[in-house]
């Protein structure tokens, strides 16, 4: 995602910073997912972000237009301080009425995004039926893992959970875990690493989408807080707008899900060293008997 320059929009004594984004590239983003029937499907997830672009535009327009209105009201000598405060607060209420429906639409789309990727991102991509070389490579890797001493196998699994050995993880998850000398519990713990290995580019795109959401919500909140700074006795309004920056159910679900997956930085760090971890008590009984 291309991030443009930071801009500053100023009205009267108030200002709001915002970032220019390449919204078109975000909105055209597709993901390959497993649909509700377990079949592969292409999903244009980026279309969910159109309301976010509209929210950013609307927030900036409201800030400019209402800000100018407030400046005019405050400059009108026919109004006493009480009337100025009342009229200015009515203007802020108009901004709230305009932005809240857009924010609700964005929140619903973020929930759809988080639920769909959690359900639709498989740990690994299945091999094509004609990929004989790939099948043989997977078989060789599983045989290698099965042949390791138990302690080395536990160390490999521990490192793989942190993002190391992505090809080995994919090979393990494409077959019965016993073929790799692992129990189903041990293999299940590798699923998050499998998603991180097979969907690295998609996960990075989701992280960028989440950053975009956070930034636009901050812009919307700051625009309204900036307007409040031009009006007396608006602390209650400010507290309401501050809550917009705390995210929504969908954004927090996505944030938590991504946070539990190994990142590319972890992958590189894990790949740079051989796993030499001590035997963990909870892992002691998780290895399946080695195949003959």
C-alpha atoms as a PDB file:
ATOM      1  CA  UNK A   1       0.000   0.000   0.000  1.00  0.00           C
ATOM      2  CA  UNK A   2       1.419   3.347  -1.058  1.00  0.00           C
ATOM      3  CA  UNK A   3       1.337   5.939   1.704  1.00  0.00           C
ATOM      4  CA  UNK A   4       1.395   9.555   0.618  1.00  0.00           C
ATOM      5  CA  UNK A   5       2.538  12.624   2.474  1.00  0.00           C
ATOM      6  CA  UNK A   6       1.097  13.923   5.712  1.00  0.00           C
ATOM      7  CA  UNK A   7      -1.043  17.009   5.262  1.00  0.00           C
ATOM      8  CA  UNK A   8      -2.362  19.611   7.653  1.00  0.00           C
ATOM      9  CA  UNK A   9      -5.801  21.169   7.184  1.00  0.00           C
ATOM     10  CA  UNK A  10      -6.269  24.384   9.158  1.00  0.00           C
ATOM     11  CA  UNK A  11      -9.440  26.339   9.903  1.00  0.00           C
ATOM     12  CA  UNK A  12      -9.344  29.287  12.277  1.00  0.00           C
ATOM     13  CA  UNK A  13      -7.371  28.221  15.341  1.00  0.00           C
ATOM     14  CA  UNK A  14      -7.947  24.495  14.717  1.00  0.00           C
ATOM     15  CA  UNK A  15      -6.001  22.073  12.555  1.00  0.00           C
ATOM     16  CA  UNK A  16      -6.079  18.371  11.734  1.00  0.00           C
ATOM     17  CA  UNK A  17      -3.324  16.175  10.322  1.00  0.00           C
ATOM     18  CA  UNK A  18      -4.192  13.444   7.844  1.00  0.00           C
ATOM     19  CA  UNK A  19      -2.395  11.050   5.512  1.00  0.00           C
ATOM     20  CA  UNK A  20      -2.937  10.573   1.800  1.00  0.00           C
ATOM     21  CA  UNK A  21      -3.312   6.895   0.878  1.00  0.00           C
ATOM     22  CA  UNK A  22      -3.489   5.020  -2.386  1.00  0.00           C
ATOM     23  CA  UNK A  23      -7.042   3.943  -1.619  1.00  0.00           C
ATOM     24  CA  UNK A  24      -7.536   2.427  -5.080  1.00  0.00           C
ATOM     25  CA  UNK A  25      -4.834  -0.195  -4.523  1.00  0.00           C
ATOM     26  CA  UNK A  26      -6.349  -1.098  -1.153  1.00  0.00           C
ATOM     27  CA  UNK A  27      -9.883  -1.355  -2.505  1.00  0.00           C
ATOM     28  CA  UNK A  28      -8.789  -3.637  -5.364  1.00  0.00           C
ATOM     29  CA  UNK A  29      -7.050  -6.097  -3.021  1.00  0.00           C
ATOM     30  CA  UNK A  30      -8.152  -9.727  -3.476  1.00  0.00           C
ATOM     31  CA  UNK A  31      -7.614 -12.704  -1.175  1.00  0.00           C
ATOM     32  CA  UNK A  32      -7.834 -16.385  -1.988  1.00  0.00           C
ATOM     33  CA  UNK A  33      -9.934 -18.000   0.730  1.00  0.00           C
ATOM     34  CA  UNK A  34     -11.816 -21.176   1.505  1.00  0.00           C
ATOM     35  CA  UNK A  35     -15.522 -20.428   1.271  1.00  0.00           C
ATOM     36  CA  UNK A  36     -18.214 -21.837   3.553  1.00  0.00           C
ATOM     37  CA  UNK A  37     -18.258 -25.041   1.471  1.00  0.00           C
ATOM     38  CA  UNK A  38     -14.501 -25.582   1.800  1.00  0.00           C
ATOM     39  CA  UNK A  39     -13.795 -24.664  -1.824  1.00  0.00           C
ATOM     40  CA  UNK A  40     -11.233 -22.109  -2.950  1.00  0.00           C
ATOM     41  CA  UNK A  41     -12.663 -18.722  -3.880  1.00  0.00           C
ATOM     42  CA  UNK A  42     -11.381 -15.262  -4.752  1.00  0.00           C
ATOM     43  CA  UNK A  43     -12.656 -12.583  -2.420  1.00  0.00           C
ATOM     44  CA  UNK A  44     -12.312  -8.870  -3.146  1.00  0.00           C
ATOM     45  CA  UNK A  45     -11.818  -7.848   0.448  1.00  0.00           C
ATOM     46  CA  UNK A  46     -10.608  -4.393  -0.523  1.00  0.00           C
ATOM     47  CA  UNK A  47     -14.125  -3.340  -1.479  1.00  0.00           C
ATOM     48  CA  UNK A  48     -14.907  -3.286   2.240  1.00  0.00           C
ATOM     49  CA  UNK A  49     -12.603  -0.278   2.549  1.00  0.00           C
ATOM     50  CA  UNK A  50     -14.524   2.067   0.256  1.00  0.00           C
ATOM     51  CA  UNK A  51     -16.601   3.394   3.183  1.00  0.00           C
ATOM     52  CA  UNK A  52     -13.330   4.097   4.999  1.00  0.00           C
ATOM     53  CA  UNK A  53     -12.142   6.358   2.175  1.00  0.00           C
ATOM     54  CA  UNK A  54     -15.541   8.059   2.192  1.00  0.00           C
ATOM     55  CA  UNK A  55     -15.303   8.527   5.962  1.00  0.00           C
ATOM     56  CA  UNK A  56     -11.922  10.234   5.690  1.00  0.00           C
ATOM     57  CA  UNK A  57     -13.185  12.557   2.955  1.00  0.00           C
ATOM     58  CA  UNK A  58     -16.376  13.339   4.869  1.00  0.00           C
ATOM     59  CA  UNK A  59     -14.514  14.050   8.116  1.00  0.00           C
ATOM     60  CA  UNK A  60     -12.182  16.512   6.408  1.00  0.00           C
ATOM     61  CA  UNK A  61     -15.040  18.212   4.566  1.00  0.00           C
ATOM     62  CA  UNK A  62     -17.025  18.562   7.795  1.00  0.00           C
ATOM     63  CA  UNK A  63     -13.985  19.945   9.577  1.00  0.00           C
ATOM     64  CA  UNK A  64     -13.474  22.592   6.904  1.00  0.00           C
ATOM     65  CA  UNK A  65     -17.123  23.576   6.398  1.00  0.00           C
ATOM     66  CA  UNK A  66     -18.237  23.502  10.024  1.00  0.00           C
ATOM     67  CA  UNK A  67     -14.989  25.098  11.141  1.00  0.00           C
ATOM     68  CA  UNK A  68     -15.642  28.042   8.848  1.00  0.00           C
ATOM     69  CA  UNK A  69     -19.219  28.261  10.151  1.00  0.00           C
ATOM     70  CA  UNK A  70     -17.954  28.367  13.740  1.00  0.00           C
ATOM     71  CA  UNK A  71     -15.469  31.103  12.860  1.00  0.00           C
ATOM     72  CA  UNK A  72     -18.322  33.185  11.401  1.00  0.00           C
ATOM     73  CA  UNK A  73     -20.569  32.583  14.417  1.00  0.00           C
ATOM     74  CA  UNK A  74     -17.843  33.613  16.852  1.00  0.00           C
ATOM     75  CA  UNK A  75     -17.164  36.758  14.823  1.00  0.00           C
ATOM     76  CA  UNK A  76     -20.819  37.821  14.799  1.00  0.00           C
ATOM     77  CA  UNK A  77     -21.173  40.653  17.291  1.00  0.00           C
ATOM     78  CA  UNK A  78     -24.963  40.246  17.390  1.00  0.00           C
ATOM     79  CA  UNK A  79     -24.577  37.054  19.450  1.00  0.00           C
ATOM     80  CA  UNK A  80     -23.829  36.984  23.161  1.00  0.00           C
ATOM     81  CA  UNK A  81     -21.437  34.313  24.561  1.00  0.00           C
ATOM     82  CA  UNK A  82     -24.302  31.964  25.475  1.00  0.00           C
ATOM     83  CA  UNK A  83     -25.776  32.114  21.972  1.00  0.00           C
ATOM     84  CA  UNK A  84     -22.360  31.600  20.400  1.00  0.00           C
ATOM     85  CA  UNK A  85     -21.781  28.488  22.501  1.00  0.00           C
ATOM     86  CA  UNK A  86     -25.231  27.070  21.713  1.00  0.00           C
ATOM     87  CA  UNK A  87     -24.994  27.684  17.958  1.00  0.00           C
ATOM     88  CA  UNK A  88     -21.466  26.286  17.750  1.00  0.00           C
ATOM     89  CA  UNK A  89     -22.471  23.137  19.635  1.00  0.00           C
ATOM     90  CA  UNK A  90     -25.343  22.673  17.213  1.00  0.00           C
ATOM     91  CA  UNK A  91     -22.789  22.732  14.411  1.00  0.00           C
ATOM     92  CA  UNK A  92     -20.727  20.050  16.157  1.00  0.00           C
ATOM     93  CA  UNK A  93     -23.885  17.961  16.561  1.00  0.00           C
ATOM     94  CA  UNK A  94     -24.363  18.200  12.800  1.00  0.00           C
ATOM     95  CA  UNK A  95     -20.875  16.756  12.295  1.00  0.00           C
ATOM     96  CA  UNK A  96     -21.675  13.881  14.634  1.00  0.00           C
ATOM     97  CA  UNK A  97     -24.923  13.142  12.799  1.00  0.00           C
ATOM     98  CA  UNK A  98     -23.038  13.077   9.497  1.00  0.00           C
ATOM     99  CA  UNK A  99     -20.121  10.892  10.615  1.00  0.00           C
ATOM    100  CA  UNK A 100     -21.769   8.293  12.874  1.00  0.00           C
ATOM    101  CA  UNK A 101     -23.564   6.400  10.045  1.00  0.00           C
ATOM    102  CA  UNK A 102     -20.288   6.240   8.096  1.00  0.00           C
ATOM    103  CA  UNK A 103     -18.441   4.987  11.177  1.00  0.00           C
ATOM    104  CA  UNK A 104     -21.063   2.277  11.736  1.00  0.00           C
ATOM    105  CA  UNK A 105     -20.678   1.138   8.118  1.00  0.00           C
ATOM    106  CA  UNK A 106     -16.902   0.952   8.522  1.00  0.00           C
ATOM    107  CA  UNK A 107     -17.258  -0.986  11.789  1.00  0.00           C
ATOM    108  CA  UNK A 108     -19.553  -3.559  10.161  1.00  0.00           C
ATOM    109  CA  UNK A 109     -17.095  -4.037   7.293  1.00  0.00           C
ATOM    110  CA  UNK A 110     -14.181  -4.499   9.688  1.00  0.00           C
ATOM    111  CA  UNK A 111     -16.158  -7.227  11.459  1.00  0.00           C
ATOM    112  CA  UNK A 112     -16.850  -8.922   8.115  1.00  0.00           C
ATOM    113  CA  UNK A 113     -13.157  -8.699   7.222  1.00  0.00           C
ATOM    114  CA  UNK A 114     -11.938 -10.198  10.494  1.00  0.00           C
ATOM    115  CA  UNK A 115     -14.481 -13.033  10.553  1.00  0.00           C
ATOM    116  CA  UNK A 116     -13.883 -13.955   6.909  1.00  0.00           C
ATOM    117  CA  UNK A 117     -10.097 -14.142   7.089  1.00  0.00           C
ATOM    118  CA  UNK A 118     -10.196 -16.116  10.338  1.00  0.00           C
ATOM    119  CA  UNK A 119     -12.487 -18.656   8.688  1.00  0.00           C
ATOM    120  CA  UNK A 120     -11.099 -18.565   5.166  1.00  0.00           C
ATOM    121  CA  UNK A 121      -7.324 -18.531   5.600  1.00  0.00           C
ATOM    122  CA  UNK A 122      -6.216 -22.171   5.601  1.00  0.00           C
ATOM    123  CA  UNK A 123      -2.913 -23.052   7.326  1.00  0.00           C
ATOM    124  CA  UNK A 124      -1.431 -24.291   4.040  1.00  0.00           C
ATOM    125  CA  UNK A 125      -2.321 -24.447   0.379  1.00  0.00           C
ATOM    126  CA  UNK A 126      -2.944 -27.979  -0.928  1.00  0.00           C
ATOM    127  CA  UNK A 127      -0.654 -29.340  -3.627  1.00  0.00           C
ATOM    128  CA  UNK A 128      -1.929 -29.533  -7.170  1.00  0.00           C
ATOM    129  CA  UNK A 129      -2.697 -33.144  -8.104  1.00  0.00           C
ATOM    130  CA  UNK A 130      -0.090 -32.969 -10.876  1.00  0.00           C
ATOM    131  CA  UNK A 131       2.661 -31.548  -8.647  1.00  0.00           C
ATOM    132  CA  UNK A 132       4.633 -34.779  -8.293  1.00  0.00           C
ATOM    133  CA  UNK A 133       7.846 -32.970  -7.383  1.00  0.00           C
ATOM    134  CA  UNK A 134       6.046 -31.085  -4.618  1.00  0.00           C
ATOM    135  CA  UNK A 135       4.515 -34.277  -3.218  1.00  0.00           C
ATOM    136  CA  UNK A 136       7.929 -35.950  -3.126  1.00  0.00           C
ATOM    137  CA  UNK A 137       9.529 -32.917  -1.482  1.00  0.00           C
ATOM    138  CA  UNK A 138       6.854 -32.905   1.233  1.00  0.00           C
ATOM    139  CA  UNK A 139       7.320 -36.626   1.795  1.00  0.00           C
ATOM    140  CA  UNK A 140      11.069 -36.174   2.150  1.00  0.00           C
ATOM    141  CA  UNK A 141      10.647 -33.381   4.697  1.00  0.00           C
ATOM    142  CA  UNK A 142       8.174 -35.412   6.759  1.00  0.00           C
ATOM    143  CA  UNK A 143      10.551 -38.363   6.744  1.00  0.00           C
ATOM    144  CA  UNK A 144      13.369 -36.097   7.893  1.00  0.00           C
ATOM    145  CA  UNK A 145      11.297 -34.762  10.797  1.00  0.00           C
ATOM    146  CA  UNK A 146      10.170 -38.252  11.796  1.00  0.00           C
ATOM    147  CA  UNK A 147      13.780 -39.416  11.853  1.00  0.00           C
ATOM    148  CA  UNK A 148      14.947 -36.726  14.257  1.00  0.00           C
ATOM    149  CA  UNK A 149      15.636 -37.586  17.908  1.00  0.00           C
ATOM    150  CA  UNK A 150      12.672 -36.657  20.093  1.00  0.00           C
ATOM    151  CA  UNK A 151      14.425 -33.694  21.707  1.00  0.00           C
ATOM    152  CA  UNK A 152      15.487 -32.267  18.337  1.00  0.00           C
ATOM    153  CA  UNK A 153      11.964 -32.733  17.014  1.00  0.00           C
ATOM    154  CA  UNK A 154      10.545 -30.820  19.972  1.00  0.00           C
ATOM    155  CA  UNK A 155      13.061 -28.039  19.380  1.00  0.00           C
ATOM    156  CA  UNK A 156      12.106 -27.883  15.714  1.00  0.00           C
ATOM    157  CA  UNK A 157       8.406 -27.637  16.577  1.00  0.00           C
ATOM    158  CA  UNK A 158       9.100 -24.893  19.126  1.00  0.00           C
ATOM    159  CA  UNK A 159      11.065 -22.887  16.554  1.00  0.00           C
ATOM    160  CA  UNK A 160       8.440 -23.519  13.871  1.00  0.00           C
ATOM    161  CA  UNK A 161       5.763 -22.029  16.115  1.00  0.00           C
ATOM    162  CA  UNK A 162       7.729 -18.794  15.986  1.00  0.00           C
ATOM    163  CA  UNK A 163       7.824 -18.815  12.189  1.00  0.00           C
ATOM    164  CA  UNK A 164      10.946 -20.839  11.377  1.00  0.00           C
ATOM    165  CA  UNK A 165      11.118 -23.601   8.739  1.00  0.00           C
ATOM    166  CA  UNK A 166       8.000 -22.626   6.741  1.00  0.00           C
ATOM    167  CA  UNK A 167       8.508 -25.371   4.123  1.00  0.00           C
ATOM    168  CA  UNK A 168       8.713 -28.024   6.839  1.00  0.00           C
ATOM    169  CA  UNK A 169       5.573 -26.682   8.520  1.00  0.00           C
ATOM    170  CA  UNK A 170       3.633 -26.832   5.261  1.00  0.00           C
ATOM    171  CA  UNK A 171       4.813 -30.386   4.586  1.00  0.00           C
ATOM    172  CA  UNK A 172       3.730 -31.509   8.076  1.00  0.00           C
ATOM    173  CA  UNK A 173       0.291 -29.920   7.806  1.00  0.00           C
ATOM    174  CA  UNK A 174      -0.448 -31.410   4.375  1.00  0.00           C
ATOM    175  CA  UNK A 175      -0.570 -34.951   5.777  1.00  0.00           C
ATOM    176  CA  UNK A 176      -1.379 -36.980   8.869  1.00  0.00           C
ATOM    177  CA  UNK A 177       0.912 -35.674  11.648  1.00  0.00           C
ATOM    178  CA  UNK A 178       1.988 -39.214  12.544  1.00  0.00           C
ATOM    179  CA  UNK A 179       3.848 -39.332   9.229  1.00  0.00           C
ATOM    180  CA  UNK A 180       6.101 -36.645  10.709  1.00  0.00           C
ATOM    181  CA  UNK A 181       6.371 -38.350  14.092  1.00  0.00           C
ATOM    182  CA  UNK A 182       4.060 -35.812  15.736  1.00  0.00           C
ATOM    183  CA  UNK A 183       0.829 -36.037  17.668  1.00  0.00           C
ATOM    184  CA  UNK A 184      -2.262 -34.233  16.433  1.00  0.00           C
ATOM    185  CA  UNK A 185      -1.862 -31.752  19.314  1.00  0.00           C
ATOM    186  CA  UNK A 186       1.675 -30.855  18.258  1.00  0.00           C
ATOM    187  CA  UNK A 187       0.629 -30.484  14.633  1.00  0.00           C
ATOM    188  CA  UNK A 188      -2.328 -28.350  15.635  1.00  0.00           C
ATOM    189  CA  UNK A 189       0.004 -25.927  17.373  1.00  0.00           C
ATOM    190  CA  UNK A 190       1.745 -25.388  14.033  1.00  0.00           C
ATOM    191  CA  UNK A 191      -1.365 -24.170  12.228  1.00  0.00           C
ATOM    192  CA  UNK A 192      -0.708 -20.531  13.112  1.00  0.00           C
ATOM    193  CA  UNK A 193       2.828 -20.890  11.813  1.00  0.00           C
ATOM    194  CA  UNK A 194       1.401 -22.516   8.690  1.00  0.00           C
ATOM    195  CA  UNK A 195      -0.865 -19.541   8.051  1.00  0.00           C
ATOM    196  CA  UNK A 196       2.060 -17.176   8.575  1.00  0.00           C
ATOM    197  CA  UNK A 197       4.220 -19.171   6.159  1.00  0.00           C
ATOM    198  CA  UNK A 198       1.701 -19.649   3.357  1.00  0.00           C
ATOM    199  CA  UNK A 199      -0.073 -16.270   3.610  1.00  0.00           C
ATOM    200  CA  UNK A 200       2.806 -13.917   4.429  1.00  0.00           C
ATOM    201  CA  UNK A 201       1.922 -11.369   1.727  1.00  0.00           C
ATOM    202  CA  UNK A 202      -1.779 -11.478   2.581  1.00  0.00           C
ATOM    203  CA  UNK A 203      -1.085 -11.031   6.283  1.00  0.00           C
ATOM    204  CA  UNK A 204       1.129  -8.044   5.580  1.00  0.00           C
ATOM    205  CA  UNK A 205      -1.686  -6.567   3.475  1.00  0.00           C
ATOM    206  CA  UNK A 206      -4.107  -7.073   6.375  1.00  0.00           C
ATOM    207  CA  UNK A 207      -1.703  -5.343   8.753  1.00  0.00           C
ATOM    208  CA  UNK A 208      -1.517  -2.398   6.370  1.00  0.00           C
ATOM    209  CA  UNK A 209      -5.316  -2.337   6.107  1.00  0.00           C
ATOM    210  CA  UNK A 210      -5.553  -2.247   9.882  1.00  0.00           C
ATOM    211  CA  UNK A 211      -3.095   0.653   9.999  1.00  0.00           C
ATOM    212  CA  UNK A 212      -5.213   2.476   7.433  1.00  0.00           C
ATOM    213  CA  UNK A 213      -8.326   1.934   9.552  1.00  0.00           C
ATOM    214  CA  UNK A 214      -6.556   3.196  12.686  1.00  0.00           C
ATOM    215  CA  UNK A 215      -5.257   6.278  10.907  1.00  0.00           C
ATOM    216  CA  UNK A 216      -8.594   7.245   9.353  1.00  0.00           C
ATOM    217  CA  UNK A 217     -10.423   6.798  12.660  1.00  0.00           C
ATOM    218  CA  UNK A 218      -7.797   8.995  14.315  1.00  0.00           C
ATOM    219  CA  UNK A 219      -8.307  11.611  11.595  1.00  0.00           C
ATOM    220  CA  UNK A 220     -12.086  11.571  12.118  1.00  0.00           C
ATOM    221  CA  UNK A 221     -11.686  11.896  15.880  1.00  0.00           C
ATOM    222  CA  UNK A 222      -9.089  14.650  15.608  1.00  0.00           C
ATOM    223  CA  UNK A 223     -11.235  16.617  13.166  1.00  0.00           C
ATOM    224  CA  UNK A 224     -14.101  16.708  15.658  1.00  0.00           C
ATOM    225  CA  UNK A 225     -11.842  17.362  18.641  1.00  0.00           C
ATOM    226  CA  UNK A 226     -10.287  20.234  16.708  1.00  0.00           C
ATOM    227  CA  UNK A 227     -13.714  21.776  16.214  1.00  0.00           C
ATOM    228  CA  UNK A 228     -14.430  21.362  19.924  1.00  0.00           C
ATOM    229  CA  UNK A 229     -11.290  23.352  20.654  1.00  0.00           C
ATOM    230  CA  UNK A 230     -12.950  26.350  19.014  1.00  0.00           C
ATOM    231  CA  UNK A 231     -16.002  26.156  21.301  1.00  0.00           C
ATOM    232  CA  UNK A 232     -16.332  26.622  25.068  1.00  0.00           C
ATOM    233  CA  UNK A 233     -17.484  23.845  27.417  1.00  0.00           C
ATOM    234  CA  UNK A 234     -17.105  20.912  25.009  1.00  0.00           C
ATOM    235  CA  UNK A 235     -15.217  18.403  27.181  1.00  0.00           C
ATOM    236  CA  UNK A 236     -18.135  15.975  26.974  1.00  0.00           C
ATOM    237  CA  UNK A 237     -17.966  16.088  23.198  1.00  0.00           C
ATOM    238  CA  UNK A 238     -14.217  15.501  23.240  1.00  0.00           C
ATOM    239  CA  UNK A 239     -14.557  12.367  25.381  1.00  0.00           C
ATOM    240  CA  UNK A 240     -17.105  10.977  22.924  1.00  0.00           C
ATOM    241  CA  UNK A 241     -14.835  11.588  19.955  1.00  0.00           C
ATOM    242  CA  UNK A 242     -11.791  10.125  21.740  1.00  0.00           C
ATOM    243  CA  UNK A 243     -13.632   6.797  21.897  1.00  0.00           C
ATOM    244  CA  UNK A 244     -13.612   6.617  18.101  1.00  0.00           C
ATOM    245  CA  UNK A 245      -9.873   5.988  18.260  1.00  0.00           C
ATOM    246  CA  UNK A 246     -10.323   2.899  20.417  1.00  0.00           C
ATOM    247  CA  UNK A 247     -11.374   0.767  17.455  1.00  0.00           C
ATOM    248  CA  UNK A 248     -14.395  -1.460  16.936  1.00  0.00           C
ATOM    249  CA  UNK A 249     -15.143  -5.143  17.521  1.00  0.00           C
ATOM    250  CA  UNK A 250     -13.919  -6.101  14.052  1.00  0.00           C
ATOM    251  CA  UNK A 251     -10.666  -4.167  14.224  1.00  0.00           C
ATOM    252  CA  UNK A 252      -9.806  -5.597  17.638  1.00  0.00           C
ATOM    253  CA  UNK A 253     -10.642  -9.159  16.556  1.00  0.00           C
ATOM    254  CA  UNK A 254      -8.377  -8.737  13.539  1.00  0.00           C
ATOM    255  CA  UNK A 255      -5.643  -7.137  15.646  1.00  0.00           C
ATOM    256  CA  UNK A 256      -5.708  -9.993  18.162  1.00  0.00           C
ATOM    257  CA  UNK A 257      -5.715 -12.643  15.420  1.00  0.00           C
ATOM    258  CA  UNK A 258      -2.773 -11.064  13.606  1.00  0.00           C
ATOM    259  CA  UNK A 259      -0.951 -10.566  16.890  1.00  0.00           C
ATOM    260  CA  UNK A 260      -1.036 -14.314  17.569  1.00  0.00           C
ATOM    261  CA  UNK A 261       0.595 -15.123  14.230  1.00  0.00           C
ATOM    262  CA  UNK A 262       4.366 -15.119  13.675  1.00  0.00           C
ATOM    263  CA  UNK A 263       5.417 -12.096  11.631  1.00  0.00           C
ATOM    264  CA  UNK A 264       7.984 -11.898   8.840  1.00  0.00           C
ATOM    265  CA  UNK A 265      10.435 -10.304  11.253  1.00  0.00           C
ATOM    266  CA  UNK A 266      10.058 -13.299  13.556  1.00  0.00           C
ATOM    267  CA  UNK A 267      10.531 -15.645  10.613  1.00  0.00           C
ATOM    268  CA  UNK A 268      13.832 -14.048   9.656  1.00  0.00           C
ATOM    269  CA  UNK A 269      15.053 -14.064  13.233  1.00  0.00           C
ATOM    270  CA  UNK A 270      14.084 -17.696  13.718  1.00  0.00           C
ATOM    271  CA  UNK A 271      15.650 -18.780  10.422  1.00  0.00           C
ATOM    272  CA  UNK A 272      18.981 -17.171  11.343  1.00  0.00           C
ATOM    273  CA  UNK A 273      19.669 -19.590  14.192  1.00  0.00           C
ATOM    274  CA  UNK A 274      19.206 -23.306  14.753  1.00  0.00           C
ATOM    275  CA  UNK A 275      16.694 -24.121  17.492  1.00  0.00           C
ATOM    276  CA  UNK A 276      18.455 -25.126  20.709  1.00  0.00           C
ATOM    277  CA  UNK A 277      15.623 -24.799  23.150  1.00  0.00           C
ATOM    278  CA  UNK A 278      15.384 -26.820  26.332  1.00  0.00           C
ATOM    279  CA  UNK A 279      12.752 -29.472  26.631  1.00  0.00           C
ATOM    280  CA  UNK A 280       9.488 -27.954  27.827  1.00  0.00           C
ATOM    281  CA  UNK A 281       7.453 -29.938  30.372  1.00  0.00           C
ATOM    282  CA  UNK A 282       4.227 -29.581  28.463  1.00  0.00           C
ATOM    283  CA  UNK A 283       5.877 -30.921  25.312  1.00  0.00           C
ATOM    284  CA  UNK A 284       7.303 -34.036  26.949  1.00  0.00           C
ATOM    285  CA  UNK A 285       4.437 -36.337  26.056  1.00  0.00           C
ATOM    286  CA  UNK A 286       3.280 -34.786  22.808  1.00  0.00           C
ATOM    287  CA  UNK A 287       5.409 -36.705  20.346  1.00  0.00           C
ATOM    288  CA  UNK A 288       3.821 -39.706  18.722  1.00  0.00           C
ATOM    289  CA  UNK A 289       5.780 -42.999  18.573  1.00  0.00           C
ATOM    290  CA  UNK A 290       8.215 -42.981  15.693  1.00  0.00           C
ATOM    291  CA  UNK A 291       7.064 -44.946  12.668  1.00  0.00           C
ATOM    292  CA  UNK A 292       8.966 -48.065  11.824  1.00  0.00           C
END
